[in-house]
Each structure stands twice: as C-alpha cells, then as structure tokens.
Amino acid sequence: MTPRQSATEIARQLREAGYVAYFAGGSVRDKILGQEPKDYDIATSATPAEVLKLFPKANEVGAHFGVIIVRHHGHHIEVATFRTDGSYKDGRRPEAVTFSTPEEDAQRRDFTINGLFEDPEKGEVIDFVGGQADLSSEVLRAIGDPVARFTEDSLRLLRAIRFATRFGFTIEPATWQAITEQAGLLQRISPERIRDELSRIITCPNRAKGLDLLVESGLIAQFIPEVLALIGCEQPPQWHPEGDVYVHTRIMLDMLGPEAPLELCLAVLLHDIAKPPTQTFDKEADRIRFNGHDALGATMAEDILRRLKYPNQVIEDVSFMVSRHMQFMNVQQMRTAKVKRFMSAPTFPQELELHRVDCASSNGFTDNLEFLIEKREEFANEPLIPPPLITGRDLIEQGLKPSPRFKEILESAQTEQLEGRLKDREQALEWMKGQI
C-alpha cells in the first residue's frame, strides 16, 4: 500500500465518522507540481481525543499541538486538528493552540504554496491563501504579514531559502525584505535545526542558487560567516580565470551531480574556506599565494561543522577531504605504493569528484584526473591494500624486540608489496631477514 492509499484510507474513516478531513501542505503542493509526494499529512475537524478514539493505537506525542501520528500499513501519517496558534515565545513553537476552521488553519501556515488543502475523495484543491496562483507563477510568498510569520517561527527564514532553491521559485519582494531585515532572528534557532535546513539546501541540485540566497539574504552570516570572506578574495588569474574564491566555489557546487552526497557538497563548500586568512602576495613572482590553506581549511571546516552539530563521521570525512584536496596535483609524481595508499581512503571516490569540479571550474586541467581514473582501472582486479605478507609476529620470531623499528620494517614491507617487488610470503620473509 502506498503512502497516499494509507492517507486516503485514514481520511475516509474520519469522514465516515462525521469529520472533515483534507490532505494538507506539501503533498498537495507536490501533486500540483507533478511531483510524487514523499509523505502525506491530514488536517481534520476531529480533535486529538476524537482521532485517538478512531485510531486507539496512534501515537499522541504531539497531541498538545493537535497532532496525532497514525500508523497504517507501515506508513506514519500525521493527523492534525484544524487550529490557530498562540504566541511563539521561543521563536519556534506556539505556547498553545486553539482548534479552529480550515480557513483559519491555512492562515497560520508559513507560505502560500504550503497552505493548500485537497479533498481526498474528489481530488479538488481547497485554496484560502492564493497558493495555486503562486505555484503557477513560481513565486514563494509568506502567508499574511511575512515579518509576523518569521517572528513566530524563525526557522521559516531558512525554509524560505530551501523552498526557493528546491523549486527554483522567486521570493516575492515583501517576503524577501522581511527575510533580510529579520535574518538575526536565526540566532534563536538551535544549531541542529539550522544544520538540517543547510543540509537540505546544499544537497539540492539547485544548490548554487541556494548558496547565493543564503549570502544575499544575510542568513549565512548567522551560522557560517566565514563564507562571506570568500567574496572578493582574489585568486591568481592564470589558474583561476573564473574569478574570486566565492565565484569558484559556487561554480563547483553547480557542477556537482544532482545526487551528490552531503559530505561531498560540504567539502566543496568549505574546500577553500581558509584562502582568505592565508592569502599573500608574492611580489617577486607577481602572483597570489594561499600557502597552507588546505591544512588550515581542514581545521576551519571541522570547527564550522562541529559548531553546527554535524555527526562526527561527517565532520571527519569532510575535514579529511579538505585536507587532501591539494595533493591531487602531485599524484603523477607519487610512487605506486603512495598512489595506492592515497586511493585506498574511503572518501576517495568523493575526493575524485571534488577534484574534477575544482579543475573544471577553474584551469580546466584534467591530467591528474585522467591519471587516477586509469590507475583505478589498472588496480581494479586486486585490493588496493592487500593483506600483509609479514607481521610483527614474524619479526619477533626472528628475535627482534618490539620497538619503533617494527613499524619501519612493516611499512617498508608493505611498500615493497604495493610496488610489486614482493609477490609472496616466502619472498617477503627472505627480504625481512635482510632488514634485521
């Protein structure tokens, strides 16, 4: 059973019990746009107690706000009573709610495109806020007074950017003005919620526009102000004819595939984050330099992502990719063993894509990319890092006591193995005796 079928069945039971029940919000919007809704919410005249009476196994975790979660054939359908919201003292959730009518319920929602209802039985759209016209015109508009909407729930500031990015819509002037004037309200929102919205924006295929909107609105200054320093940070024109570091970064984001994973998108966003603080002007060579921006960038990326409460693995992967992005220029000079170790990192496929868009957005060089792709094919039939031919136990059996020399011999043995000079254990044991 599909999510829509489950939601339709729940709505049917509500209607047969004498209540009004509509599909609400995103599912209605997405259907009008010709997209398959990921989930369905139901708005109803039934109170939480009445919903629970019909669905006694439902989850009443949001009953205080008029929300009940009904489980049906593996789907979780949110059933919310038509309501108006009280004051929002924390800038996120209302202190109290009052059950009301569909018309009043629509007025409390964030944007007109999200304020639509659909009659599940007839398929008719019920529009009290002009959402259909805005969908047709590709406009994102706050319902009612935009300042009031953003003051009530300040996360809506970022949600506006996300919807405009996702759908390619234009934010209408009054709504945009309210976003820019009220950007500081984002300070009331937890880092975790900001992180979740940023992740959705940066992984959207239209992510470059999303970054522009975050910058132009002043919102990014509230949580990653370091990005603003990229604007106007000049680069050597012989390597970066495209422009400053910000232009370079946004072009890279635009070049990523539509399904680019979060870690890669964040690594692209932050790969040159340390260029402004490391920028120097070499007068003798008449060029701009950014010595050490990869190492400092890894530290800055870690600080930024930790500030936004990203999971440790995401932080580790992104900072690692940032730390290594300049090493690609040297891969053709690396020994085979070093190339194999370089390529064996779990993040290497994403790093290769980062390198691709890094070059494609600037100097256009593809030599190192092509070299690594060839090596990947060459090494495809065997593990990049095979099991070792000798171990520490072999060294102990030869009378060597545990010491730093252990590590040196084992690393040398691995290098010889990766280079193809040691092909089997017998060979390796003979080689080992010569090292002791």
Protein backbone atom coordinates (compact mmCIF):
# COMPACT_ATOMS: atom_id res chain seq x y z
CA MET A 1 0.00 0.00 0.00
CA THR A 2 1.36 3.42 -0.97
CA PRO A 3 1.53 6.40 1.42
CA ARG A 4 -1.33 8.04 -0.49
CA GLN A 5 -3.50 4.95 -0.20
CA SER A 6 -2.87 4.80 3.55
CA ALA A 7 -3.63 8.50 3.96
CA THR A 8 -6.77 8.14 1.84
CA GLU A 9 -7.99 5.26 4.00
CA ILE A 10 -7.41 7.23 7.22
CA ALA A 11 -9.20 10.26 5.76
CA ARG A 12 -12.09 8.03 4.71
CA GLN A 13 -12.52 6.71 8.24
CA LEU A 14 -12.51 10.26 9.62
CA ARG A 15 -15.11 11.38 7.08
CA GLU A 16 -17.35 8.38 7.75
CA ALA A 17 -17.25 9.30 11.44
CA GLY A 18 -18.62 12.75 10.53
CA TYR A 19 -15.44 14.83 10.44
CA VAL A 20 -13.87 16.98 7.73
CA ALA A 21 -10.54 15.53 6.57
CA TYR A 22 -8.24 17.03 3.93
CA PHE A 23 -4.74 16.34 2.70
CA ALA A 24 -2.66 19.34 3.71
CA GLY A 25 0.55 21.16 2.87
CA GLY A 26 3.44 19.62 0.96
CA SER A 27 1.61 16.67 -0.55
CA VAL A 28 -0.93 18.98 -2.17
CA ARG A 29 1.80 21.31 -3.41
CA ASP A 30 3.88 18.48 -4.86
CA LYS A 31 0.92 16.89 -6.62
CA ILE A 32 0.10 20.20 -8.34
CA LEU A 33 3.75 20.47 -9.41
CA GLY A 34 3.60 16.99 -10.87
CA GLN A 35 5.94 15.52 -8.27
CA GLU A 36 5.38 12.40 -6.19
CA PRO A 37 4.81 13.40 -2.55
CA LYS A 38 7.11 11.67 -0.07
CA ASP A 39 4.54 11.74 2.72
CA TYR A 40 1.01 12.84 3.44
CA ASP A 41 -0.42 14.96 6.25
CA ILE A 42 -4.10 15.14 7.08
CA ALA A 43 -5.87 18.17 8.53
CA THR A 44 -9.19 17.43 10.20
CA SER A 45 -12.02 18.88 12.27
CA ALA A 46 -11.65 15.93 14.70
CA THR A 47 -9.94 16.80 17.98
CA PRO A 48 -6.94 14.71 19.13
CA ALA A 49 -9.19 12.82 21.53
CA GLU A 50 -11.62 12.04 18.73
CA VAL A 51 -8.77 10.92 16.45
CA LEU A 52 -7.47 8.63 19.19
CA LYS A 53 -10.92 7.15 19.65
CA LEU A 54 -10.94 6.18 15.97
CA PHE A 55 -7.30 5.06 15.97
CA PRO A 56 -6.54 3.86 19.52
CA LYS A 57 -3.04 2.61 18.62
CA ALA A 58 -1.96 6.01 17.30
CA ASN A 59 0.93 7.98 18.79
CA GLU A 60 -0.26 11.07 20.67
CA VAL A 61 3.19 12.60 21.11
CA GLY A 62 2.03 15.87 19.51
CA ALA A 63 -1.48 15.95 20.96
CA HIS A 64 -0.74 19.20 22.84
CA PHE A 65 -0.43 20.86 19.42
CA GLY A 66 -3.33 18.94 17.95
CA VAL A 67 -1.14 16.37 16.19
CA ILE A 68 -1.56 12.59 16.26
CA ILE A 69 0.62 10.11 14.33
CA VAL A 70 -1.45 7.26 12.88
CA ARG A 71 0.39 4.14 11.73
CA HIS A 72 -1.17 2.40 8.75
CA HIS A 73 0.43 -0.43 6.74
CA GLY A 74 3.93 0.69 7.65
CA HIS A 75 3.28 4.37 6.93
CA HIS A 76 3.18 7.11 9.56
CA ILE A 77 0.52 9.67 8.71
CA GLU A 78 0.36 12.92 10.66
CA VAL A 79 -3.24 13.83 11.53
CA ALA A 80 -3.60 17.39 12.82
CA THR A 81 -6.68 19.19 14.04
CA PHE A 82 -7.51 22.48 12.28
CA ARG A 83 -6.07 25.12 14.61
CA THR A 84 -4.83 28.63 15.21
CA ASP A 85 -1.59 29.15 17.10
CA GLY A 86 -0.98 31.19 20.21
CA SER A 87 2.16 33.24 20.90
CA TYR A 88 5.60 31.91 19.92
CA LYS A 89 7.83 32.91 22.82
CA ASP A 90 10.74 30.72 21.74
CA GLY A 91 10.57 31.64 18.07
CA ARG A 92 9.89 28.03 17.13
CA ARG A 93 6.66 26.58 18.58
CA PRO A 94 3.42 28.14 19.83
CA GLU A 95 2.78 28.27 23.57
CA ALA A 96 -0.74 26.98 22.98
CA VAL A 97 -3.16 26.21 20.16
CA THR A 98 -6.88 26.72 19.65
CA PHE A 99 -8.85 24.34 17.46
CA SER A 100 -10.49 26.19 14.59
CA THR A 101 -11.63 26.00 10.96
CA PRO A 102 -9.85 25.12 7.69
CA GLU A 103 -9.77 28.81 6.71
CA GLU A 104 -8.10 29.82 9.99
CA ASP A 105 -5.75 26.84 9.87
CA ALA A 106 -4.49 27.87 6.43
CA GLN A 107 -3.70 31.37 7.70
CA ARG A 108 -1.30 30.08 10.38
CA ARG A 109 0.94 28.25 7.87
CA ASP A 110 4.21 29.59 6.51
CA PHE A 111 3.96 30.07 2.73
CA THR A 112 1.03 30.14 0.34
CA ILE A 113 2.31 27.13 -1.59
CA ASN A 114 2.18 25.15 1.68
CA GLY A 115 -1.23 26.43 2.74
CA LEU A 116 -3.31 24.31 0.35
CA PHE A 117 -5.76 21.50 1.14
CA GLU A 118 -7.04 18.69 -1.06
CA ASP A 119 -10.26 16.76 -0.76
CA PRO A 120 -9.03 13.14 -0.86
CA GLU A 121 -12.33 11.87 -2.24
CA LYS A 122 -12.90 14.39 -5.02
CA GLY A 123 -9.30 15.42 -5.67
CA GLU A 124 -10.33 19.08 -5.51
CA VAL A 125 -7.88 21.67 -4.15
CA ILE A 126 -9.14 23.99 -1.41
CA ASP A 127 -7.19 27.24 -1.54
CA PHE A 128 -7.77 30.02 1.02
CA VAL A 129 -4.41 31.76 0.54
CA GLY A 130 -3.74 32.06 -3.20
CA GLY A 131 -1.25 29.21 -3.23
CA GLN A 132 -2.31 27.86 -6.62
CA ALA A 133 -1.64 31.20 -8.30
CA ASP A 134 1.80 31.41 -6.69
CA LEU A 135 2.62 27.87 -7.78
CA SER A 136 1.60 28.80 -11.31
CA SER A 137 3.72 31.98 -11.17
CA GLU A 138 6.62 30.19 -9.44
CA VAL A 139 6.60 32.63 -6.53
CA LEU A 140 7.32 31.97 -2.88
CA ARG A 141 5.17 34.22 -0.68
CA ALA A 142 4.64 34.26 3.07
CA ILE A 143 1.02 34.00 4.20
CA GLY A 144 -0.19 37.29 5.63
CA ASP A 145 2.44 39.53 7.27
CA PRO A 146 5.87 38.00 6.49
CA VAL A 147 7.53 39.66 9.49
CA ALA A 148 4.93 38.08 11.76
CA ARG A 149 5.41 34.68 10.14
CA PHE A 150 9.21 34.80 10.62
CA THR A 151 8.94 36.18 14.13
CA GLU A 152 6.59 33.35 15.10
CA ASP A 153 8.87 30.63 13.80
CA SER A 154 12.32 31.89 12.80
CA LEU A 155 13.30 28.60 11.17
CA ARG A 156 10.97 29.72 8.38
CA LEU A 157 13.74 32.08 7.27
CA LEU A 158 15.79 29.08 6.15
CA ARG A 159 12.75 27.17 4.96
CA ALA A 160 12.07 30.03 2.54
CA ILE A 161 15.54 29.62 1.05
CA ARG A 162 15.10 25.85 0.87
CA PHE A 163 11.78 26.03 -0.99
CA ALA A 164 13.04 28.73 -3.36
CA THR A 165 16.11 26.58 -4.04
CA ARG A 166 14.24 23.32 -4.44
CA PHE A 167 11.60 24.64 -6.80
CA GLY A 168 13.57 27.44 -8.47
CA PHE A 169 10.95 29.94 -7.36
CA THR A 170 11.40 33.70 -6.93
CA ILE A 171 10.84 35.03 -3.41
CA GLU A 172 8.32 37.86 -3.70
CA PRO A 173 9.61 41.32 -2.63
CA ALA A 174 7.83 41.75 0.73
CA THR A 175 8.81 38.25 1.84
CA TRP A 176 12.41 38.80 0.71
CA GLN A 177 12.62 42.13 2.50
CA ALA A 178 11.36 40.53 5.70
CA ILE A 179 13.98 37.76 5.40
CA THR A 180 16.84 40.23 5.00
CA GLU A 181 15.59 42.50 7.79
CA GLN A 182 14.87 39.67 10.22
CA ALA A 183 17.93 37.49 9.46
CA GLY A 184 19.20 37.97 13.01
CA LEU A 185 16.18 36.03 14.33
CA LEU A 186 18.02 32.91 13.24
CA GLN A 187 20.08 33.24 16.41
CA ARG A 188 17.03 31.97 18.31
CA ILE A 189 17.17 28.63 16.47
CA SER A 190 19.20 25.65 17.63
CA PRO A 191 22.30 24.65 15.62
CA GLU A 192 20.75 21.26 14.93
CA ARG A 193 17.74 22.75 13.16
CA ILE A 194 19.92 25.15 11.17
CA ARG A 195 22.15 22.22 10.23
CA ASP A 196 19.21 20.20 8.92
CA GLU A 197 18.00 23.05 6.71
CA LEU A 198 21.52 23.75 5.42
CA SER A 199 21.92 20.06 4.56
CA ARG A 200 18.72 20.10 2.53
CA ILE A 201 19.76 23.26 0.69
CA ILE A 202 23.32 22.16 -0.06
CA THR A 203 22.25 18.73 -1.37
CA CYS A 204 19.58 20.19 -3.65
CA PRO A 205 20.52 20.10 -7.38
CA ASN A 206 19.99 23.88 -7.43
CA ARG A 207 22.45 24.29 -4.52
CA ALA A 208 24.44 27.14 -6.12
CA LYS A 209 21.33 29.32 -6.14
CA GLY A 210 20.70 28.26 -2.56
CA LEU A 211 24.15 29.49 -1.55
CA ASP A 212 23.56 32.80 -3.32
CA LEU A 213 20.26 33.27 -1.50
CA LEU A 214 21.84 32.45 1.87
CA VAL A 215 24.56 35.03 1.22
CA GLU A 216 22.37 37.77 -0.28
CA SER A 217 19.77 37.45 2.49
CA GLY A 218 22.36 37.75 5.25
CA LEU A 219 21.33 34.40 6.70
CA ILE A 220 24.67 32.66 6.20
CA ALA A 221 26.31 35.36 8.30
CA GLN A 222 24.35 33.95 11.23
CA PHE A 223 25.88 30.47 11.11
CA ILE A 224 28.85 30.33 8.67
CA PRO A 225 30.13 33.92 8.49
CA GLU A 226 33.46 32.58 7.19
CA VAL A 227 31.85 32.15 3.75
CA LEU A 228 31.47 35.90 3.36
CA ALA A 229 35.25 36.35 3.33
CA LEU A 230 35.38 34.31 0.10
CA ILE A 231 33.62 37.17 -1.70
CA GLY A 232 36.24 39.44 -3.25
CA CYS A 233 39.13 37.16 -2.26
CA GLU A 234 41.20 37.38 -5.44
CA GLN A 235 42.95 34.37 -6.97
CA PRO A 236 45.82 34.14 -9.49
CA PRO A 237 44.09 34.68 -12.87
CA GLN A 238 46.37 32.23 -14.67
CA TRP A 239 44.94 29.41 -12.54
CA HIS A 240 41.52 30.86 -11.73
CA PRO A 241 40.21 32.93 -14.65
CA GLU A 242 36.67 32.41 -13.34
CA GLY A 243 37.04 34.99 -10.55
CA ASP A 244 37.26 35.16 -6.78
CA VAL A 245 37.05 32.28 -4.32
CA TYR A 246 33.30 32.65 -3.86
CA VAL A 247 32.61 32.50 -7.60
CA HIS A 248 34.90 29.47 -7.86
CA THR A 249 33.07 27.72 -5.01
CA ARG A 250 29.57 28.34 -6.34
CA ILE A 251 30.55 27.16 -9.83
CA MET A 252 31.88 23.94 -8.29
CA LEU A 253 28.63 23.42 -6.40
CA ASP A 254 26.71 23.94 -9.62
CA MET A 255 28.85 21.36 -11.43
CA LEU A 256 28.14 18.58 -8.93
CA GLY A 257 25.66 15.92 -9.95
CA PRO A 258 22.07 16.14 -8.66
CA GLU A 259 22.59 13.18 -6.31
CA ALA A 260 25.87 14.42 -4.80
CA PRO A 261 26.11 13.21 -1.16
CA LEU A 262 26.08 15.60 1.77
CA GLU A 263 29.76 15.10 2.67
CA LEU A 264 30.89 15.97 -0.86
CA CYS A 265 28.67 19.07 -1.02
CA LEU A 266 30.01 20.31 2.32
CA ALA A 267 33.60 19.58 1.26
CA VAL A 268 33.12 21.63 -1.91
CA LEU A 269 31.56 24.47 0.07
CA LEU A 270 34.45 24.50 2.55
CA HIS A 271 37.44 23.31 0.50
CA ASP A 272 38.84 26.84 0.08
CA ILE A 273 37.43 28.33 3.29
CA ALA A 274 40.97 29.13 4.51
CA LYS A 275 42.07 31.01 1.41
CA PRO A 276 41.18 34.45 2.82
CA PRO A 277 43.27 34.08 6.02
CA THR A 278 46.22 32.53 4.12
CA GLN A 279 46.25 34.92 1.15
CA THR A 280 49.63 36.53 0.47
CA PHE A 281 51.04 38.50 -2.47
CA ASP A 282 54.38 37.30 -3.82
CA LYS A 283 55.78 40.47 -5.42
CA GLU A 284 58.83 38.75 -6.92
CA ALA A 285 56.76 36.11 -8.66
CA ASP A 286 53.90 38.56 -9.19
CA ARG A 287 51.27 36.13 -8.03
CA ILE A 288 48.83 35.46 -5.21
CA ARG A 289 49.53 32.52 -2.92
CA PHE A 290 47.49 30.57 -0.35
CA ASN A 291 50.18 28.52 1.36
CA GLY A 292 48.76 26.01 3.83
CA HIS A 293 45.13 26.77 3.06
CA ASP A 294 44.39 23.05 2.81
CA ALA A 295 45.64 22.26 6.32
CA LEU A 296 44.07 25.34 7.91
CA GLY A 297 40.92 24.73 5.86
CA ALA A 298 40.56 21.26 7.37
CA THR A 299 40.72 22.78 10.86
CA MET A 300 38.23 25.53 9.96
CA ALA A 301 35.87 23.01 8.34
CA GLU A 302 35.96 20.89 11.47
CA ASP A 303 35.22 23.92 13.66
CA ILE A 304 32.31 25.03 11.47
CA LEU A 305 30.71 21.60 11.24
CA ARG A 306 31.17 20.96 14.96
CA ARG A 307 29.51 24.29 15.65
CA LEU A 308 26.53 23.10 13.61
CA LYS A 309 26.44 19.76 15.48
CA TYR A 310 27.09 17.55 12.46
CA PRO A 311 27.74 13.86 13.24
CA ASN A 312 31.36 13.02 13.97
CA GLN A 313 31.72 10.86 10.85
CA VAL A 314 30.53 13.69 8.60
CA ILE A 315 32.96 16.09 10.27
CA GLU A 316 35.83 13.62 9.93
CA ASP A 317 35.13 12.86 6.26
CA VAL A 318 34.69 16.49 5.21
CA SER A 319 37.76 17.81 7.03
CA PHE A 320 39.82 14.91 5.62
CA MET A 321 38.72 15.72 2.06
CA VAL A 322 39.54 19.40 2.57
CA SER A 323 42.96 18.49 3.97
CA ARG A 324 43.87 16.43 0.87
CA HIS A 325 42.37 18.39 -1.99
CA MET A 326 45.70 19.98 -2.97
CA GLN A 327 47.53 16.65 -3.06
CA PHE A 328 45.92 15.75 -6.37
CA MET A 329 48.38 17.98 -8.18
CA ASN A 330 51.21 15.63 -7.14
CA VAL A 331 49.71 12.20 -7.89
CA GLN A 332 51.69 11.65 -11.10
CA GLN A 333 54.93 12.09 -9.18
CA MET A 334 53.92 9.61 -6.45
CA ARG A 335 55.39 6.13 -6.28
CA THR A 336 52.93 3.33 -6.96
CA ALA A 337 52.70 2.44 -3.26
CA LYS A 338 51.81 6.01 -2.34
CA VAL A 339 49.21 6.23 -5.10
CA LYS A 340 47.59 3.03 -3.83
CA ARG A 341 47.54 4.31 -0.26
CA PHE A 342 46.13 7.63 -1.49
CA MET A 343 43.36 5.88 -3.41
CA SER A 344 42.53 3.49 -0.57
CA ALA A 345 40.86 6.18 1.56
CA PRO A 346 37.11 5.53 1.96
CA THR A 347 36.43 9.10 0.82
CA PHE A 348 38.50 8.79 -2.38
CA PRO A 349 35.53 8.50 -4.82
CA GLN A 350 34.11 11.74 -3.44
CA GLU A 351 37.55 13.38 -3.44
CA LEU A 352 37.96 12.46 -7.11
CA GLU A 353 34.68 14.23 -7.87
CA LEU A 354 35.77 17.25 -5.81
CA HIS A 355 38.99 17.38 -7.84
CA ARG A 356 37.04 17.09 -11.10
CA VAL A 357 34.83 20.09 -10.39
CA ASP A 358 37.75 22.00 -8.82
CA CYS A 359 39.66 21.86 -12.11
CA ALA A 360 36.64 22.12 -14.39
CA SER A 361 35.56 25.33 -12.68
CA SER A 362 38.99 26.95 -12.97
CA ASN A 363 42.01 25.94 -15.08
CA GLY A 364 40.37 23.04 -16.90
CA PHE A 365 43.31 20.68 -16.33
CA THR A 366 42.36 17.02 -16.49
CA ASP A 367 45.79 15.29 -16.48
CA ASN A 368 45.71 14.21 -12.83
CA LEU A 369 42.06 13.19 -13.02
CA GLU A 370 42.71 11.02 -16.08
CA PHE A 371 45.81 9.53 -14.43
CA LEU A 372 43.83 8.45 -11.37
CA ILE A 373 40.95 7.08 -13.42
CA GLU A 374 43.46 4.98 -15.38
CA LYS A 375 45.05 3.78 -12.15
CA ARG A 376 41.66 2.88 -10.74
CA GLU A 377 41.04 0.67 -13.76
CA GLU A 378 44.56 -0.77 -13.58
CA PHE A 379 44.19 -1.69 -9.91
CA ALA A 380 40.57 -2.84 -10.17
CA ASN A 381 41.28 -6.57 -10.16
CA GLU A 382 43.02 -6.67 -6.78
CA PRO A 383 42.70 -4.94 -3.40
CA LEU A 384 44.49 -1.61 -3.26
CA ILE A 385 45.88 -2.58 0.13
CA PRO A 386 46.21 -6.40 0.19
CA PRO A 387 46.78 -8.42 3.41
CA PRO A 388 50.38 -8.02 4.62
CA LEU A 389 52.88 -10.71 3.69
CA ILE A 390 54.67 -10.41 7.04
CA THR A 391 53.54 -9.31 10.51
CA GLY A 392 55.04 -8.29 13.83
CA ARG A 393 54.94 -11.93 14.93
CA ASP A 394 57.38 -12.80 12.15
CA LEU A 395 59.77 -10.12 13.41
CA ILE A 396 59.52 -11.42 16.99
CA GLU A 397 60.26 -14.95 15.79
CA GLN A 398 63.44 -13.61 14.23
CA GLY A 399 64.50 -12.26 17.63
CA LEU A 400 63.59 -8.60 17.13
CA LYS A 401 62.09 -6.96 20.20
CA PRO A 402 59.07 -4.64 19.83
CA SER A 403 60.32 -1.13 19.01
CA PRO A 404 59.76 1.77 16.58
CA ARG A 405 61.86 -0.26 14.15
CA PHE A 406 58.92 -2.69 13.92
CA LYS A 407 56.75 -0.09 12.25
CA GLU A 408 59.52 0.97 9.87
CA ILE A 409 60.12 -2.59 8.66
CA LEU A 410 56.43 -3.39 8.28
CA GLU A 411 55.75 -0.16 6.37
CA SER A 412 58.73 -0.84 4.11
CA ALA A 413 57.45 -4.37 3.52
CA GLN A 414 54.04 -3.03 2.57
CA THR A 415 55.65 -0.54 0.18
CA GLU A 416 57.67 -3.31 -1.49
CA GLN A 417 54.47 -5.37 -1.74
CA LEU A 418 52.45 -2.50 -3.21
CA GLU A 419 55.23 -1.74 -5.69
CA GLY A 420 55.13 -5.38 -6.80
CA ARG A 421 58.67 -6.26 -5.73
CA LEU A 422 57.47 -8.67 -3.03
CA LYS A 423 54.98 -11.08 -4.53
CA ASP A 424 54.58 -13.83 -1.92
CA ARG A 425 55.25 -14.63 1.71
CA GLU A 426 58.41 -16.62 1.02
CA GLN A 427 59.95 -13.68 -0.80
CA ALA A 428 58.86 -11.35 1.99
CA LEU A 429 60.45 -13.49 4.71
CA GLU A 430 63.74 -13.51 2.83
CA TRP A 431 63.57 -9.74 2.40
CA MET A 432 62.77 -9.32 6.11
CA LYS A 433 65.91 -11.19 7.19
CA GLY A 434 67.97 -8.63 5.30
CA GLN A 435 66.34 -5.79 7.25
CA ILE A 436 67.11 -7.13 10.73
